[in-house]
Amino acid sequence: MNKVKLRKTGELYIPKTLINILNIEAGDRINIFIDGKNIVLTSKEGFEKENKCTYNQKGTIHIPAEIRRFSNIETDTVFTIKFDEKEERVYLIPDLSG
């Protein structure tokens, strides 16, 4: 799976491939920040000042409202997933083609 969709509740289902790359399990905190128009997820140390979200048992994370507002992301936005294994990051690139 190389695409994910933001739900109306602001939640994003995390596919198994992302779970493996981020090396996370339920209850783990994920750093989340904006890089240009992309949302970046990482479980890597050193991002204490960034927003955080918790990976829950439903297999989702909640994208904070301030991140959604700042990046003009609306519900039902579809993201293409890009992996940066060297930096241990996942980029969520909004598909704005409509």
C-alpha atoms as a PDB file:
ATOM      1  CA  MET A   1       0.000   0.000   0.000  1.00  0.00           C
ATOM      2  CA  ASN A   2       1.502   3.337  -0.994  1.00  0.00           C
ATOM      3  CA  LYS A   3      -1.449   5.614  -0.177  1.00  0.00           C
ATOM      4  CA  VAL A   4      -3.393   6.443   2.977  1.00  0.00           C
ATOM      5  CA  LYS A   5      -6.473   8.604   3.529  1.00  0.00           C
ATOM      6  CA  LEU A   6      -7.189  11.027   6.372  1.00  0.00           C
ATOM      7  CA  ARG A   7     -10.487  10.189   8.061  1.00  0.00           C
ATOM      8  CA  LYS A   8     -13.074  12.775   9.050  1.00  0.00           C
ATOM      9  CA  THR A   9     -11.960  12.424  12.676  1.00  0.00           C
ATOM     10  CA  GLY A  10      -8.393  13.457  11.789  1.00  0.00           C
ATOM     11  CA  GLU A  11      -7.195   9.879  12.155  1.00  0.00           C
ATOM     12  CA  LEU A  12      -4.881   8.149   9.742  1.00  0.00           C
ATOM     13  CA  TYR A  13      -4.675   4.370   9.449  1.00  0.00           C
ATOM     14  CA  ILE A  14      -1.056   3.237   9.582  1.00  0.00           C
ATOM     15  CA  PRO A  15      -0.375   0.274   7.270  1.00  0.00           C
ATOM     16  CA  LYS A  16       1.873  -2.569   8.403  1.00  0.00           C
ATOM     17  CA  THR A  17       4.749  -1.406   6.189  1.00  0.00           C
ATOM     18  CA  LEU A  18       4.825   1.946   8.021  1.00  0.00           C
ATOM     19  CA  ILE A  19       4.656   0.222  11.387  1.00  0.00           C
ATOM     20  CA  ASN A  20       7.714  -1.809  10.451  1.00  0.00           C
ATOM     21  CA  ILE A  21       9.674   1.193   9.153  1.00  0.00           C
ATOM     22  CA  LEU A  22       8.821   3.327  12.168  1.00  0.00           C
ATOM     23  CA  ASN A  23       9.435   0.343  14.457  1.00  0.00           C
ATOM     24  CA  ILE A  24       6.376   1.128  16.575  1.00  0.00           C
ATOM     25  CA  GLU A  25       3.732  -0.716  18.540  1.00  0.00           C
ATOM     26  CA  ALA A  26       0.500   0.353  20.233  1.00  0.00           C
ATOM     27  CA  GLY A  27       1.109   3.071  22.811  1.00  0.00           C
ATOM     28  CA  ASP A  28       4.336   4.357  21.238  1.00  0.00           C
ATOM     29  CA  ARG A  29       4.717   8.098  20.632  1.00  0.00           C
ATOM     30  CA  ILE A  30       5.435   9.315  17.113  1.00  0.00           C
ATOM     31  CA  ASN A  31       6.979  12.679  16.295  1.00  0.00           C
ATOM     32  CA  ILE A  32       4.992  14.539  13.686  1.00  0.00           C
ATOM     33  CA  PHE A  33       5.932  17.725  11.885  1.00  0.00           C
ATOM     34  CA  ILE A  34       5.572  19.581   8.606  1.00  0.00           C
ATOM     35  CA  ASP A  35       8.249  19.746   5.912  1.00  0.00           C
ATOM     36  CA  GLY A  36       6.961  22.024   3.176  1.00  0.00           C
ATOM     37  CA  LYS A  37       3.540  20.629   2.253  1.00  0.00           C
ATOM     38  CA  ASN A  38       4.387  17.166   3.564  1.00  0.00           C
ATOM     39  CA  ILE A  39       3.673  15.632   6.944  1.00  0.00           C
ATOM     40  CA  VAL A  40       6.632  13.781   8.417  1.00  0.00           C
ATOM     41  CA  LEU A  41       6.382  10.908  10.905  1.00  0.00           C
ATOM     42  CA  THR A  42       9.348   9.548  12.826  1.00  0.00           C
ATOM     43  CA  SER A  43       9.935   7.598  16.000  1.00  0.00           C
ATOM     44  CA  LYS A  44      13.598   8.638  15.986  1.00  0.00           C
ATOM     45  CA  GLU A  45      15.081  10.374  19.044  1.00  0.00           C
ATOM     46  CA  GLY A  46      15.934  14.079  18.919  1.00  0.00           C
ATOM     47  CA  PHE A  47      12.564  15.605  18.066  1.00  0.00           C
ATOM     48  CA  GLU A  48      11.520  16.721  21.552  1.00  0.00           C
ATOM     49  CA  LYS A  49      10.149  20.051  20.293  1.00  0.00           C
ATOM     50  CA  GLU A  50       7.902  18.488  17.670  1.00  0.00           C
ATOM     51  CA  ASN A  51       4.238  17.563  17.944  1.00  0.00           C
ATOM     52  CA  LYS A  52       3.627  14.029  19.079  1.00  0.00           C
ATOM     53  CA  CYS A  53       0.847  11.549  18.497  1.00  0.00           C
ATOM     54  CA  THR A  54       0.267   8.092  19.898  1.00  0.00           C
ATOM     55  CA  TYR A  55      -0.039   4.999  17.758  1.00  0.00           C
ATOM     56  CA  ASN A  56      -3.137   3.283  19.153  1.00  0.00           C
ATOM     57  CA  GLN A  57      -4.479  -0.255  19.181  1.00  0.00           C
ATOM     58  CA  LYS A  58      -6.909   0.523  16.347  1.00  0.00           C
ATOM     59  CA  GLY A  59      -3.907   0.963  14.071  1.00  0.00           C
ATOM     60  CA  THR A  60      -4.329   4.718  13.717  1.00  0.00           C
ATOM     61  CA  ILE A  61      -2.705   7.971  14.722  1.00  0.00           C
ATOM     62  CA  HIS A  62      -4.448  11.314  15.125  1.00  0.00           C
ATOM     63  CA  ILE A  63      -3.001  14.155  13.065  1.00  0.00           C
ATOM     64  CA  PRO A  64      -3.157  17.211  15.374  1.00  0.00           C
ATOM     65  CA  ALA A  65      -5.566  19.954  14.294  1.00  0.00           C
ATOM     66  CA  GLU A  66      -2.800  22.572  14.202  1.00  0.00           C
ATOM     67  CA  ILE A  67      -0.832  20.441  11.718  1.00  0.00           C
ATOM     68  CA  ARG A  68      -3.927  19.998   9.554  1.00  0.00           C
ATOM     69  CA  ARG A  69      -4.745  23.733   9.659  1.00  0.00           C
ATOM     70  CA  PHE A  70      -1.179  24.895   9.048  1.00  0.00           C
ATOM     71  CA  SER A  71      -0.746  22.619   6.041  1.00  0.00           C
ATOM     72  CA  ASN A  72      -4.302  23.213   4.703  1.00  0.00           C
ATOM     73  CA  ILE A  73      -5.116  19.514   4.883  1.00  0.00           C
ATOM     74  CA  GLU A  74      -8.764  18.585   4.947  1.00  0.00           C
ATOM     75  CA  THR A  75     -10.520  15.368   5.825  1.00  0.00           C
ATOM     76  CA  ASP A  76     -10.510  12.752   3.088  1.00  0.00           C
ATOM     77  CA  THR A  77      -7.103  13.959   1.867  1.00  0.00           C
ATOM     78  CA  VAL A  78      -5.195  11.098   0.286  1.00  0.00           C
ATOM     79  CA  PHE A  79      -1.459  10.897   0.944  1.00  0.00           C
ATOM     80  CA  THR A  80       1.246   9.149  -1.009  1.00  0.00           C
ATOM     81  CA  ILE A  81       3.758   7.494   1.304  1.00  0.00           C
ATOM     82  CA  LYS A  82       7.475   8.045   0.820  1.00  0.00           C
ATOM     83  CA  PHE A  83      10.021   6.261   3.012  1.00  0.00           C
ATOM     84  CA  ASP A  84      13.378   7.679   4.018  1.00  0.00           C
ATOM     85  CA  GLU A  85      15.033   4.726   5.696  1.00  0.00           C
ATOM     86  CA  LYS A  86      18.327   6.572   6.183  1.00  0.00           C
ATOM     87  CA  GLU A  87      16.616   9.314   8.217  1.00  0.00           C
ATOM     88  CA  GLU A  88      14.069   6.867   9.692  1.00  0.00           C
ATOM     89  CA  ARG A  89      11.192   9.032   8.481  1.00  0.00           C
ATOM     90  CA  VAL A  90       7.955   8.558   6.638  1.00  0.00           C
ATOM     91  CA  TYR A  91       6.732  11.394   4.433  1.00  0.00           C
ATOM     92  CA  LEU A  92       3.011  11.766   3.823  1.00  0.00           C
ATOM     93  CA  ILE A  93       2.691  13.720   0.591  1.00  0.00           C
ATOM     94  CA  PRO A  94      -0.807  15.116  -0.013  1.00  0.00           C
ATOM     95  CA  ASP A  95      -2.318  14.233  -3.371  1.00  0.00           C
ATOM     96  CA  LEU A  96      -3.784  17.570  -4.373  1.00  0.00           C
ATOM     97  CA  SER A  97      -4.751  16.481  -7.870  1.00  0.00           C
ATOM     98  CA  GLY A  98      -8.361  16.307  -6.685  1.00  0.00           C
END
